[in-house]
Amino acid sequence: MGILKDKVDLELLINGNGVAENFKNNSLFFMNKYDKSDDDVLSIPIGKIQLGGFYFIQYMDDSNWMKWAPVFTVDFKKFSNMIVIFGVNFNFIPIEIRVGIFDKFITEQDFENNSLLAVDYKGMYDELRSIGFEHTITEFNTAQIKYVHKISMNMLPRFLYSQHPKNKYDPKALLHIWEVKISERNQRHDEMSKALIDDFYKIGDDVNEKYKVLKDHIDRLQSSVKKYGGR
């Protein structure tokens, strides 16, 4: 058990009677914070987003799970006229699993210094793949980001047990998604290993032929950026 788990357990005693009540109370707490800005939940310009940080992103997209996204940033890619941020989207991860992903990497000094965490895409991808959740790394086109709040490390224990109230938390849906992704994980990993991110935003039959398992994901990205990203 690490320092993050200890802090989460303490917050669960303070902010509600059990996980469900904590989740509800934390979600309402952060929703109010997103209408404001302070040191713990700080409204920042999009250009100030950094790797290894926890953020709440309000995004232009048809999916609520993308539209109001609690994320941990793991990579940036710039190509053509686009900048794409890769982030672990907690909307796709059951709340019971979220803490364990980060617990062994976070120290007391990270909380004291409000540090960004050392991270790279491969390391995060491999960590998530070990538990079957590598698909939770999602792409955010910066042109579609409306607002961003930086979450301080002090708020992280509550942030991980929260979600925007307009997003229904559905553990059965998350389990179903996980089961589907597990069934195709080897082919998905093979395609991801060979993938070029700019391919994801190209429209053409050659892209559809190149990617089989990722096709639906690519189609969704292309539809989203065409509708909201100014393309």
Protein backbone atom coordinates (compact mmCIF):
# COMPACT_ATOMS: atom_id res chain seq x y z
CA MET A 1 0.00 0.00 0.00
CA GLY A 2 1.37 3.40 -1.01
CA ILE A 3 0.82 6.97 0.04
CA LEU A 4 -1.94 7.55 -2.52
CA LYS A 5 -3.99 4.61 -1.22
CA ASP A 6 -3.54 5.86 2.35
CA LYS A 7 -4.80 9.31 1.40
CA VAL A 8 -7.72 7.89 -0.56
CA ASP A 9 -8.76 5.73 2.41
CA LEU A 10 -8.66 8.79 4.66
CA GLU A 11 -10.77 10.84 2.25
CA LEU A 12 -13.31 8.01 2.09
CA LEU A 13 -13.80 8.40 5.83
CA ILE A 14 -14.22 12.16 5.58
CA ASN A 15 -16.37 12.78 2.51
CA GLY A 16 -19.16 10.25 2.76
CA ASN A 17 -20.44 6.97 4.11
CA GLY A 18 -18.93 4.43 1.74
CA VAL A 19 -17.70 4.53 -1.84
CA ALA A 20 -21.03 5.38 -3.49
CA GLU A 21 -21.69 8.40 -1.26
CA ASN A 22 -18.09 9.58 -1.61
CA PHE A 23 -18.36 9.31 -5.38
CA LYS A 24 -21.55 11.38 -5.42
CA ASN A 25 -20.21 14.01 -3.00
CA ASN A 26 -16.87 14.30 -4.79
CA SER A 27 -18.54 14.62 -8.19
CA LEU A 28 -20.72 17.49 -6.97
CA PHE A 29 -17.73 19.08 -5.22
CA PHE A 30 -15.68 19.18 -8.41
CA MET A 31 -18.59 20.28 -10.57
CA ASN A 32 -18.80 23.42 -8.42
CA LYS A 33 -15.05 23.86 -8.66
CA TYR A 34 -15.15 23.75 -12.48
CA ASP A 35 -17.28 26.90 -12.45
CA LYS A 36 -14.51 28.70 -10.58
CA SER A 37 -10.74 28.59 -10.22
CA ASP A 38 -8.44 28.25 -7.23
CA ASP A 39 -5.04 26.76 -6.45
CA ASP A 40 -6.42 23.23 -6.08
CA VAL A 41 -8.64 23.22 -9.19
CA LEU A 42 -7.01 25.81 -11.41
CA SER A 43 -8.42 27.03 -14.70
CA ILE A 44 -5.53 27.24 -17.17
CA PRO A 45 -4.97 28.08 -20.86
CA ILE A 46 -4.85 25.05 -23.15
CA GLY A 47 -1.23 25.82 -23.95
CA LYS A 48 -0.30 25.32 -20.29
CA ILE A 49 -1.24 21.62 -20.24
CA GLN A 50 1.83 19.55 -19.32
CA LEU A 51 2.75 15.88 -19.36
CA GLY A 52 2.32 13.95 -16.14
CA GLY A 53 -0.51 16.07 -14.78
CA PHE A 54 -4.09 15.44 -13.77
CA TYR A 55 -6.67 17.58 -15.55
CA PHE A 56 -10.38 17.96 -16.13
CA ILE A 57 -11.03 18.68 -19.80
CA GLN A 58 -14.26 20.05 -21.23
CA TYR A 59 -14.23 18.92 -24.84
CA MET A 60 -16.35 19.31 -27.95
CA ASP A 61 -17.50 15.81 -28.83
CA ASP A 62 -20.71 13.78 -29.14
CA SER A 63 -19.64 11.36 -26.40
CA ASN A 64 -20.24 12.51 -22.82
CA TRP A 65 -17.27 10.39 -21.76
CA MET A 66 -15.09 12.61 -23.92
CA LYS A 67 -17.06 15.81 -23.37
CA TRP A 68 -16.36 15.89 -19.61
CA ALA A 69 -13.12 13.99 -19.14
CA PRO A 70 -10.93 13.55 -16.06
CA VAL A 71 -7.52 12.68 -17.50
CA PHE A 72 -3.85 12.05 -16.81
CA THR A 73 -1.68 13.35 -19.65
CA VAL A 74 0.91 11.01 -21.16
CA ASP A 75 1.97 12.40 -24.56
CA PHE A 76 1.67 15.17 -27.17
CA LYS A 77 1.86 14.85 -30.93
CA LYS A 78 2.03 17.72 -33.41
CA PHE A 79 1.45 17.17 -37.12
CA SER A 80 0.09 19.24 -40.00
CA ASN A 81 -2.00 21.91 -38.28
CA MET A 82 -3.02 19.78 -35.30
CA ILE A 83 -1.79 19.20 -31.77
CA VAL A 84 -3.15 16.05 -30.13
CA ILE A 85 -2.92 15.31 -26.41
CA PHE A 86 -2.97 11.70 -25.24
CA GLY A 87 -4.50 11.19 -21.81
CA VAL A 88 -5.68 8.33 -19.63
CA ASN A 89 -9.44 8.97 -19.56
CA PHE A 90 -10.76 7.88 -16.16
CA ASN A 91 -14.32 7.76 -17.48
CA PHE A 92 -13.37 4.38 -18.99
CA ILE A 93 -11.81 2.96 -15.80
CA PRO A 94 -13.77 1.56 -12.82
CA ILE A 95 -13.20 3.64 -9.71
CA GLU A 96 -11.87 0.63 -7.76
CA ILE A 97 -8.98 0.30 -10.23
CA ARG A 98 -7.95 3.93 -10.66
CA VAL A 99 -5.89 4.25 -7.48
CA GLY A 100 -3.90 1.08 -8.06
CA ILE A 101 -2.63 2.33 -11.41
CA PHE A 102 -0.76 5.21 -9.78
CA ASP A 103 -0.23 4.14 -6.16
CA LYS A 104 3.22 2.61 -6.61
CA PHE A 105 4.55 5.61 -8.54
CA ILE A 106 3.50 8.50 -6.29
CA THR A 107 5.52 9.64 -3.27
CA GLU A 108 4.85 11.95 -0.34
CA GLN A 109 7.15 14.48 -2.01
CA ASP A 110 4.88 14.54 -5.03
CA PHE A 111 2.04 15.68 -2.77
CA GLU A 112 4.23 18.15 -0.89
CA ASN A 113 5.60 19.69 -4.09
CA ASN A 114 2.44 19.34 -6.17
CA SER A 115 4.65 17.61 -8.73
CA LEU A 116 4.02 16.47 -12.24
CA LEU A 117 4.70 12.75 -12.54
CA ALA A 118 7.47 11.37 -14.73
CA VAL A 119 5.70 9.66 -17.62
CA ASP A 120 6.05 8.54 -21.22
CA TYR A 121 3.49 7.00 -23.53
CA LYS A 122 5.07 3.54 -23.70
CA GLY A 123 5.44 3.24 -19.95
CA MET A 124 1.83 4.22 -19.34
CA TYR A 125 0.59 2.05 -22.20
CA ASP A 126 2.48 -1.00 -20.87
CA GLU A 127 1.22 -0.41 -17.33
CA LEU A 128 -2.39 -0.21 -18.50
CA ARG A 129 -1.98 -3.13 -20.90
CA SER A 130 -0.91 -5.35 -17.98
CA ILE A 131 -4.47 -5.02 -16.61
CA GLY A 132 -6.29 -4.76 -19.94
CA PHE A 133 -7.02 -1.03 -19.91
CA GLU A 134 -4.62 0.32 -22.53
CA HIS A 135 -7.65 1.42 -24.57
CA THR A 136 -8.33 4.13 -21.95
CA ILE A 137 -5.56 6.29 -23.43
CA THR A 138 -7.60 8.62 -25.63
CA GLU A 139 -6.79 11.45 -28.02
CA PHE A 140 -7.80 15.07 -27.49
CA ASN A 141 -7.44 17.47 -30.40
CA THR A 142 -6.50 20.79 -28.78
CA ALA A 143 -8.76 22.68 -31.22
CA GLN A 144 -11.74 20.90 -29.63
CA ILE A 145 -10.83 21.67 -26.00
CA LYS A 146 -13.08 24.33 -24.48
CA TYR A 147 -11.77 24.58 -20.92
CA VAL A 148 -9.12 22.92 -18.79
CA HIS A 149 -8.68 22.72 -15.02
CA LYS A 150 -5.40 21.54 -13.49
CA ILE A 151 -6.00 19.29 -10.49
CA SER A 152 -3.54 19.70 -7.64
CA MET A 153 -2.02 16.62 -6.06
CA ASN A 154 -3.83 17.47 -2.82
CA MET A 155 -7.12 17.00 -4.66
CA LEU A 156 -6.08 13.77 -6.40
CA PRO A 157 -7.48 11.35 -3.77
CA ARG A 158 -10.94 12.90 -4.24
CA PHE A 159 -10.54 13.44 -8.00
CA LEU A 160 -10.00 9.73 -8.64
CA TYR A 161 -13.30 9.01 -6.89
CA SER A 162 -15.33 11.46 -8.95
CA GLN A 163 -16.89 12.01 -12.37
CA HIS A 164 -18.85 14.85 -13.92
CA PRO A 165 -22.48 14.45 -12.74
CA LYS A 166 -23.74 14.59 -16.33
CA ASN A 167 -21.88 11.35 -16.98
CA LYS A 168 -23.66 8.32 -15.58
CA TYR A 169 -21.25 5.94 -13.86
CA ASP A 170 -22.09 2.51 -15.24
CA PRO A 171 -19.76 -0.28 -14.03
CA LYS A 172 -21.60 -2.87 -16.16
CA ALA A 173 -20.93 -0.84 -19.30
CA LEU A 174 -17.26 -0.49 -18.31
CA LEU A 175 -17.02 -4.25 -17.74
CA HIS A 176 -18.57 -4.92 -21.15
CA ILE A 177 -16.12 -2.56 -22.86
CA TRP A 178 -13.24 -4.22 -21.02
CA GLU A 179 -14.40 -7.69 -22.09
CA VAL A 180 -14.61 -6.62 -25.73
CA LYS A 181 -11.18 -4.99 -25.63
CA ILE A 182 -9.63 -8.04 -23.93
CA SER A 183 -11.00 -10.32 -26.66
CA GLU A 184 -9.21 -8.31 -29.35
CA ARG A 185 -6.23 -7.11 -27.34
CA ASN A 186 -3.47 -8.88 -29.30
CA GLN A 187 -4.64 -7.61 -32.69
CA ARG A 188 -5.28 -4.17 -31.20
CA HIS A 189 -1.77 -4.10 -29.73
CA ASP A 190 -0.28 -5.16 -33.07
CA GLU A 191 -2.11 -2.34 -34.87
CA MET A 192 -1.22 0.21 -32.18
CA SER A 193 2.45 -0.82 -32.37
CA LYS A 194 2.49 0.03 -36.08
CA ALA A 195 0.12 2.99 -35.94
CA LEU A 196 0.95 6.50 -37.03
CA ILE A 197 -1.19 9.06 -35.24
CA ASP A 198 -1.64 11.20 -38.35
CA ASP A 199 -3.19 8.11 -40.00
CA PHE A 200 -6.02 8.38 -37.48
CA TYR A 201 -7.07 11.70 -38.95
CA LYS A 202 -6.67 10.81 -42.63
CA ILE A 203 -9.83 9.98 -44.51
CA GLY A 204 -9.52 7.20 -47.08
CA ASP A 205 -9.98 3.52 -47.83
CA ASP A 206 -6.26 2.83 -47.42
CA VAL A 207 -6.50 3.74 -43.74
CA ASN A 208 -9.53 1.51 -43.25
CA GLU A 209 -7.64 -1.37 -44.89
CA LYS A 210 -4.61 -0.83 -42.68
CA TYR A 211 -6.54 -0.86 -39.40
CA LYS A 212 -9.18 -3.48 -38.59
CA VAL A 213 -9.66 -3.46 -34.81
CA LEU A 214 -8.96 0.28 -34.60
CA LYS A 215 -11.32 1.15 -37.46
CA ASP A 216 -14.28 2.14 -35.25
CA HIS A 217 -12.00 4.24 -33.06
CA ILE A 218 -10.50 5.98 -36.09
CA ASP A 219 -13.93 6.59 -37.61
CA ARG A 220 -15.07 8.19 -34.34
CA LEU A 221 -12.00 10.44 -34.20
CA GLN A 222 -12.46 11.55 -37.80
CA SER A 223 -16.15 12.24 -37.31
CA SER A 224 -15.44 14.25 -34.17
CA VAL A 225 -12.70 16.40 -35.65
CA LYS A 226 -14.75 17.08 -38.81
CA LYS A 227 -17.72 18.19 -36.73
CA TYR A 228 -15.96 20.14 -34.00
CA GLY A 229 -12.33 20.62 -34.96
CA GLY A 230 -12.65 23.07 -37.80
CA ARG A 231 -11.81 20.58 -40.57
